[in-house]
Amino acid sequence: MKAWQVGELGMPRDVMRLVEDVPQPVPGPGQLLVKVRAAAVNFPDALMCLGMYQIKPPLPFIPGVELCGELPDGERVIGNPVLPGGAFAEYALLDAGSVFAAPPALDDAEAAALHIGYQTAWFALHRRAALRPGETLLVHAAAGGVGSAAVQLGKAAGATVIGVVGGAEKAAVARELGADLVIDRKSEDFVAAVKQATGGRGADVVFDPVGGDAYAGSTRCVAFEGRIVVIGFASGTIPAPSLGHALVKNYSVLGLHWGLYASKDPQAVRAVHEELGKLADQGVVRPLVSERLPFHQAADGVQRVAEGSTTGRVVILT
């Protein structure tokens, strides 16, 4: 089968190689073989290429942590492939216990982009931060893959959503997603803008997949008893929180590694999937797929996600 392989560590465009004769994977106990129909690009794909992700598959490996595939009986499913055989291939393996039906309302590319991003946003907003109707939600990278999911789910939860983006094009995307206020960090001070928009109170919940300056600024505009949920560090800078500052301002810093729920609380993951499917059927949420790339452009897609130059989700079609 055709597959993209990483045989050495480095930037995705430099180390991802399209190989024509990779052996088709053989299911082991409790595994299912799926024909990949679409594979969503995620930031961890780039981090794995660089050897900087917490999961480090043995070389050579096939990247791609999220897919929409087809079972032998024709059923469409979504899930996370069993590494080191990732989603950027014609076939992949899924653990039978973590296979989910693709929502009928979504096409292959949208379904491929639903699982990780929307599960992450759901657990961050509801399980970790306990977002309540009427609260103010601040979403960093609001036009990005997981940020766009947080905007939609925040609006669905009845929150006032403030989106922070970098550039006019991304600002337009965040507005289309439904953000009540969009702040372009390249031309505005988001801390001052959040304080002004909230009458000095600040944001009740902060969704931060960026880290670095985004996190530092968030601590200055988080509300009394606010919650900052740390999703990731797309900026490349992992902040060192000041616990003294959290103490005197009475806010919480919460971590969210969604992947742990698959082993710690798989029933919760399945329940959230069912809820997301209902929201998709109702048209409340729909993954923002900005680019649908042919299979031979997978390396370019991963590279641009690594560089932060994309909006929404990039999906590779097989």
Protein backbone atom coordinates (compact mmCIF):
# COMPACT_ATOMS: atom_id res chain seq x y z
CA MET A 1 0.00 0.00 0.00
CA LYS A 2 0.99 3.65 -0.29
CA ALA A 3 1.95 5.40 2.93
CA TRP A 4 3.90 8.37 4.22
CA GLN A 5 6.80 7.26 6.41
CA VAL A 6 9.14 9.09 8.76
CA GLY A 7 12.55 7.41 8.91
CA GLU A 8 14.43 10.18 10.68
CA LEU A 9 13.44 13.10 12.88
CA GLY A 10 13.09 16.63 11.57
CA MET A 11 10.68 19.09 10.01
CA PRO A 12 7.76 17.28 8.33
CA ARG A 13 8.54 18.47 4.82
CA ASP A 14 12.10 17.18 5.18
CA VAL A 15 11.48 13.77 6.75
CA MET A 16 8.10 12.56 5.46
CA ARG A 17 8.56 10.24 2.48
CA LEU A 18 5.86 8.75 0.25
CA VAL A 19 6.54 5.02 -0.04
CA GLU A 20 4.67 2.89 -2.59
CA ASP A 21 5.16 -0.63 -1.18
CA VAL A 22 4.56 -0.51 2.58
CA PRO A 23 3.06 -3.82 3.81
CA GLN A 24 -0.64 -3.61 4.57
CA PRO A 25 -1.18 -3.88 8.36
CA VAL A 26 -2.57 -7.11 9.76
CA PRO A 27 -5.10 -6.83 12.60
CA GLY A 28 -4.11 -8.31 15.93
CA PRO A 29 -6.48 -9.36 18.72
CA GLY A 30 -9.10 -6.67 19.31
CA GLN A 31 -8.10 -4.66 16.25
CA LEU A 32 -9.94 -3.70 13.06
CA LEU A 33 -8.53 -2.95 9.62
CA VAL A 34 -9.98 0.14 7.98
CA LYS A 35 -9.55 1.63 4.54
CA VAL A 36 -8.63 5.26 5.15
CA ARG A 37 -10.95 7.72 3.43
CA ALA A 38 -9.67 10.94 5.01
CA ALA A 39 -7.01 11.83 7.58
CA ALA A 40 -7.04 15.09 9.53
CA VAL A 41 -3.73 16.82 10.19
CA ASN A 42 -3.04 17.60 13.86
CA PHE A 43 -0.22 19.55 15.51
CA PRO A 44 0.99 16.36 17.25
CA ASP A 45 1.72 14.93 13.79
CA ALA A 46 4.37 17.61 13.34
CA LEU A 47 5.68 17.16 16.89
CA MET A 48 6.09 13.42 16.29
CA CYS A 49 8.12 14.14 13.16
CA LEU A 50 10.35 16.35 15.30
CA GLY A 51 10.54 13.82 18.14
CA MET A 52 9.01 16.40 20.49
CA TYR A 53 5.69 14.73 21.32
CA GLN A 54 5.06 12.69 24.48
CA ILE A 55 4.37 9.67 22.27
CA LYS A 56 7.47 8.67 20.30
CA PRO A 57 6.77 5.87 17.81
CA PRO A 58 9.78 3.78 16.75
CA LEU A 59 11.34 4.71 13.42
CA PRO A 60 10.18 4.30 10.75
CA PHE A 61 6.58 5.20 11.50
CA ILE A 62 3.54 6.45 9.60
CA PRO A 63 2.23 9.74 11.04
CA GLY A 64 -1.42 10.70 11.28
CA VAL A 65 -3.36 10.39 14.53
CA GLU A 66 -6.95 10.89 13.33
CA LEU A 67 -8.98 9.40 10.49
CA CYS A 68 -12.30 8.61 8.92
CA GLY A 69 -12.21 5.12 7.47
CA GLU A 70 -14.34 2.35 6.06
CA LEU A 71 -14.80 -1.09 7.59
CA PRO A 72 -15.05 -4.16 5.32
CA ASP A 73 -18.85 -4.00 5.62
CA GLY A 74 -18.85 -0.43 4.30
CA GLU A 75 -19.59 1.31 7.60
CA ARG A 76 -17.91 4.70 8.03
CA VAL A 77 -16.03 5.08 11.30
CA ILE A 78 -13.66 7.53 12.96
CA GLY A 79 -10.89 7.02 15.47
CA ASN A 80 -7.22 7.14 16.30
CA PRO A 81 -5.04 4.61 14.44
CA VAL A 82 -2.72 2.25 16.27
CA LEU A 83 0.79 3.67 15.97
CA PRO A 84 3.37 3.24 14.50
CA GLY A 85 0.91 2.76 11.63
CA GLY A 86 -0.78 6.15 11.38
CA ALA A 87 -3.52 7.61 9.21
CA PHE A 88 -1.44 8.88 6.29
CA ALA A 89 -1.74 5.55 4.52
CA GLU A 90 -4.25 3.62 2.45
CA TYR A 91 -5.03 1.29 5.37
CA ALA A 92 -4.68 1.53 9.16
CA LEU A 93 -5.61 -0.37 12.30
CA LEU A 94 -8.03 0.79 15.00
CA ASP A 95 -8.61 -0.72 18.41
CA ALA A 96 -12.10 -2.18 18.28
CA GLY A 97 -13.01 -0.62 21.63
CA SER A 98 -12.26 2.90 20.43
CA VAL A 99 -14.03 2.91 17.08
CA PHE A 100 -16.83 5.45 16.67
CA ALA A 101 -19.51 5.76 14.01
CA ALA A 102 -18.99 8.73 11.69
CA PRO A 103 -21.92 11.17 12.08
CA PRO A 104 -24.11 10.95 8.95
CA ALA A 105 -24.36 14.74 8.77
CA LEU A 106 -20.61 15.07 8.14
CA ASP A 107 -18.70 14.14 5.00
CA ASP A 108 -15.45 12.16 5.21
CA ALA A 109 -13.19 15.18 5.69
CA GLU A 110 -15.42 16.75 8.35
CA ALA A 111 -15.82 13.44 10.17
CA ALA A 112 -12.05 12.93 10.18
CA ALA A 113 -11.64 16.34 11.82
CA LEU A 114 -14.28 15.82 14.51
CA HIS A 115 -12.75 13.41 16.99
CA ILE A 116 -9.64 14.92 18.59
CA GLY A 117 -10.44 18.62 18.25
CA TYR A 118 -14.02 18.54 19.46
CA GLN A 119 -13.38 15.95 22.17
CA THR A 120 -10.50 18.11 23.43
CA ALA A 121 -12.62 21.25 23.43
CA TRP A 122 -15.57 19.49 25.08
CA PHE A 123 -13.50 18.00 27.92
CA ALA A 124 -11.66 21.30 28.42
CA LEU A 125 -14.78 23.45 28.59
CA HIS A 126 -17.19 21.12 30.36
CA ARG A 127 -15.21 18.54 32.35
CA ARG A 128 -12.26 20.68 33.40
CA ALA A 129 -13.55 24.27 33.42
CA ALA A 130 -17.28 23.61 34.06
CA LEU A 131 -18.26 26.41 31.68
CA ARG A 132 -21.67 27.84 32.55
CA PRO A 133 -24.24 29.69 30.42
CA GLY A 134 -23.70 33.44 30.56
CA GLU A 135 -19.98 33.21 31.31
CA THR A 136 -17.29 34.74 29.13
CA LEU A 137 -14.99 32.34 27.30
CA LEU A 138 -11.67 33.53 25.86
CA VAL A 139 -10.35 31.28 23.09
CA HIS A 140 -6.78 31.65 21.82
CA ALA A 141 -6.03 30.58 18.24
CA ALA A 142 -9.77 30.81 17.64
CA ALA A 143 -9.45 30.17 13.90
CA GLY A 144 -7.25 27.10 14.35
CA GLY A 145 -8.19 23.45 14.49
CA VAL A 146 -8.98 23.00 18.18
CA GLY A 147 -9.74 26.70 18.76
CA SER A 148 -12.49 26.69 16.14
CA ALA A 149 -14.06 23.72 17.94
CA ALA A 150 -13.92 25.62 21.24
CA VAL A 151 -15.66 28.63 19.69
CA GLN A 152 -18.54 26.51 18.40
CA LEU A 153 -18.91 24.50 21.60
CA GLY A 154 -18.66 27.64 23.73
CA LYS A 155 -21.52 29.23 21.82
CA ALA A 156 -23.52 26.00 22.08
CA ALA A 157 -23.02 26.15 25.86
CA GLY A 158 -24.49 29.64 26.07
CA ALA A 159 -21.22 31.49 26.71
CA THR A 160 -20.11 34.85 25.35
CA VAL A 161 -17.09 33.93 23.23
CA ILE A 162 -14.07 36.17 22.67
CA GLY A 163 -11.67 34.85 20.06
CA VAL A 164 -8.01 35.84 19.76
CA VAL A 165 -6.36 35.36 16.36
CA GLY A 166 -3.31 36.46 14.43
CA GLY A 167 -4.23 38.40 11.30
CA ALA A 168 -7.24 39.78 9.44
CA GLU A 169 -7.93 36.57 7.49
CA LYS A 170 -8.14 34.51 10.67
CA ALA A 171 -10.27 37.20 12.30
CA ALA A 172 -12.84 36.82 9.52
CA VAL A 173 -12.88 33.04 10.06
CA ALA A 174 -13.45 33.43 13.81
CA ARG A 175 -16.37 35.76 13.19
CA GLU A 176 -17.93 33.27 10.77
CA LEU A 177 -17.61 30.61 13.46
CA GLY A 178 -19.79 32.71 15.74
CA ALA A 179 -17.35 34.45 18.09
CA ASP A 180 -19.05 37.46 19.71
CA LEU A 181 -15.85 39.49 19.74
CA VAL A 182 -12.67 38.86 17.74
CA ILE A 183 -9.32 40.36 18.72
CA ASP A 184 -6.39 40.46 16.31
CA ARG A 185 -3.36 40.13 18.55
CA LYS A 186 -1.15 41.51 15.77
CA SER A 187 -2.85 44.89 15.92
CA GLU A 188 -4.51 44.96 19.36
CA ASP A 189 -3.58 44.33 22.98
CA PHE A 190 -5.83 41.40 23.77
CA VAL A 191 -5.51 41.92 27.52
CA ALA A 192 -6.85 45.46 27.31
CA ALA A 193 -9.54 44.44 24.82
CA VAL A 194 -10.81 41.62 27.07
CA LYS A 195 -10.92 43.90 30.10
CA GLN A 196 -12.80 46.56 28.13
CA ALA A 197 -15.30 44.04 26.73
CA THR A 198 -16.03 42.60 30.17
CA GLY A 199 -16.22 45.87 32.09
CA GLY A 200 -12.94 45.09 33.83
CA ARG A 201 -14.08 41.69 35.12
CA GLY A 202 -12.08 39.54 32.70
CA ALA A 203 -12.78 36.14 31.15
CA ASP A 204 -14.34 33.41 33.29
CA VAL A 205 -12.72 30.64 31.25
CA VAL A 206 -9.60 30.79 29.08
CA PHE A 207 -8.96 28.09 26.44
CA ASP A 208 -5.24 28.17 25.68
CA PRO A 209 -3.62 25.87 23.10
CA VAL A 210 -0.82 28.40 22.50
CA GLY A 211 1.15 28.99 25.71
CA GLY A 212 3.92 31.59 25.79
CA ASP A 213 2.66 35.17 25.63
CA ALA A 214 -0.94 33.98 25.26
CA TYR A 215 -0.81 32.31 28.66
CA ALA A 216 1.03 35.22 30.29
CA GLY A 217 -1.54 37.70 29.02
CA SER A 218 -4.40 35.47 30.06
CA THR A 219 -3.31 35.62 33.70
CA ARG A 220 -3.76 39.39 33.51
CA CYS A 221 -7.31 39.28 32.15
CA VAL A 222 -8.81 36.24 33.85
CA ALA A 223 -11.79 36.90 36.12
CA PHE A 224 -12.06 36.31 39.86
CA GLU A 225 -12.40 32.53 40.29
CA GLY A 226 -11.67 32.17 36.58
CA ARG A 227 -10.23 29.03 35.02
CA ILE A 228 -7.35 28.85 32.55
CA VAL A 229 -7.29 25.52 30.70
CA VAL A 230 -3.89 24.67 29.26
CA ILE A 231 -4.36 22.66 26.05
CA GLY A 232 -0.93 22.84 24.44
CA PHE A 233 2.01 25.01 23.46
CA ALA A 234 1.70 25.83 19.77
CA SER A 235 3.88 28.90 20.34
CA GLY A 236 6.79 26.61 21.20
CA THR A 237 7.14 28.20 24.65
CA ILE A 238 5.99 26.35 27.76
CA PRO A 239 5.19 28.95 30.44
CA ALA A 240 6.20 28.61 34.08
CA PRO A 241 3.06 29.62 36.01
CA SER A 242 3.40 31.94 38.98
CA LEU A 243 1.51 30.19 41.76
CA GLY A 244 1.69 33.32 43.87
CA HIS A 245 -0.16 35.23 41.18
CA ALA A 246 -2.83 32.49 40.96
CA LEU A 247 -3.19 32.70 44.74
CA VAL A 248 -3.70 36.45 45.02
CA LYS A 249 -6.05 36.63 42.02
CA ASN A 250 -8.05 33.50 42.92
CA TYR A 251 -7.91 31.77 39.53
CA SER A 252 -7.25 28.15 38.63
CA VAL A 253 -4.82 26.67 36.11
CA LEU A 254 -6.12 23.37 34.70
CA GLY A 255 -4.31 20.92 32.45
CA LEU A 256 -6.06 18.98 29.70
CA HIS A 257 -4.46 15.99 27.97
CA TRP A 258 -7.45 14.48 26.21
CA GLY A 259 -5.62 11.29 25.23
CA LEU A 260 -5.57 10.10 28.84
CA TYR A 261 -9.36 9.81 28.90
CA ALA A 262 -9.22 6.94 26.40
CA SER A 263 -7.65 4.77 29.11
CA LYS A 264 -8.88 6.51 32.28
CA ASP A 265 -12.53 7.04 31.35
CA PRO A 266 -13.40 5.55 27.94
CA GLN A 267 -17.13 5.62 28.68
CA ALA A 268 -16.96 9.40 29.02
CA VAL A 269 -15.24 9.63 25.62
CA ARG A 270 -18.02 7.57 24.05
CA ALA A 271 -20.73 9.64 25.75
CA VAL A 272 -19.15 12.86 24.45
CA HIS A 273 -18.98 11.38 20.95
CA GLU A 274 -22.70 10.68 21.07
CA GLU A 275 -23.37 14.26 22.17
CA LEU A 276 -21.14 15.65 19.42
CA GLY A 277 -22.98 13.51 16.88
CA LYS A 278 -26.29 15.02 18.00
CA LEU A 279 -24.87 18.55 17.73
CA ALA A 280 -23.54 17.75 14.25
CA ASP A 281 -26.93 16.40 13.16
CA GLN A 282 -28.53 19.62 14.45
CA GLY A 283 -26.01 21.74 12.54
CA VAL A 284 -24.73 23.29 15.78
CA VAL A 285 -21.16 22.11 15.21
CA ARG A 286 -19.38 21.41 11.95
CA PRO A 287 -15.61 21.06 11.68
CA LEU A 288 -14.08 23.92 9.75
CA VAL A 289 -12.18 22.10 7.00
CA SER A 290 -10.29 24.84 5.21
CA GLU A 291 -8.20 22.61 2.96
CA ARG A 292 -8.79 19.17 1.45
CA LEU A 293 -5.47 18.04 0.07
CA PRO A 294 -4.72 15.10 -2.21
CA PHE A 295 -2.68 12.30 -0.68
CA HIS A 296 0.57 13.30 -2.37
CA GLN A 297 0.50 16.70 -0.59
CA ALA A 298 0.36 15.30 2.96
CA ALA A 299 3.88 16.43 3.90
CA ASP A 300 3.13 20.01 2.83
CA GLY A 301 -0.07 19.97 4.88
CA VAL A 302 1.70 18.80 8.04
CA GLN A 303 4.47 21.34 7.50
CA ARG A 304 2.07 24.27 7.25
CA VAL A 305 0.17 23.16 10.35
CA ALA A 306 3.54 23.08 12.13
CA GLU A 307 4.22 26.63 10.97
CA GLY A 308 0.83 27.89 12.14
CA SER A 309 -0.07 29.29 8.72
CA THR A 310 -3.38 27.44 8.35
CA THR A 311 -6.93 28.17 9.48
CA GLY A 312 -9.39 25.53 10.57
CA ARG A 313 -8.45 21.96 9.72
CA VAL A 314 -6.32 20.52 6.94
CA VAL A 315 -7.48 17.08 5.81
CA ILE A 316 -5.68 14.61 3.56
CA LEU A 317 -7.95 12.66 1.22
CA THR A 318 -6.99 9.13 0.16
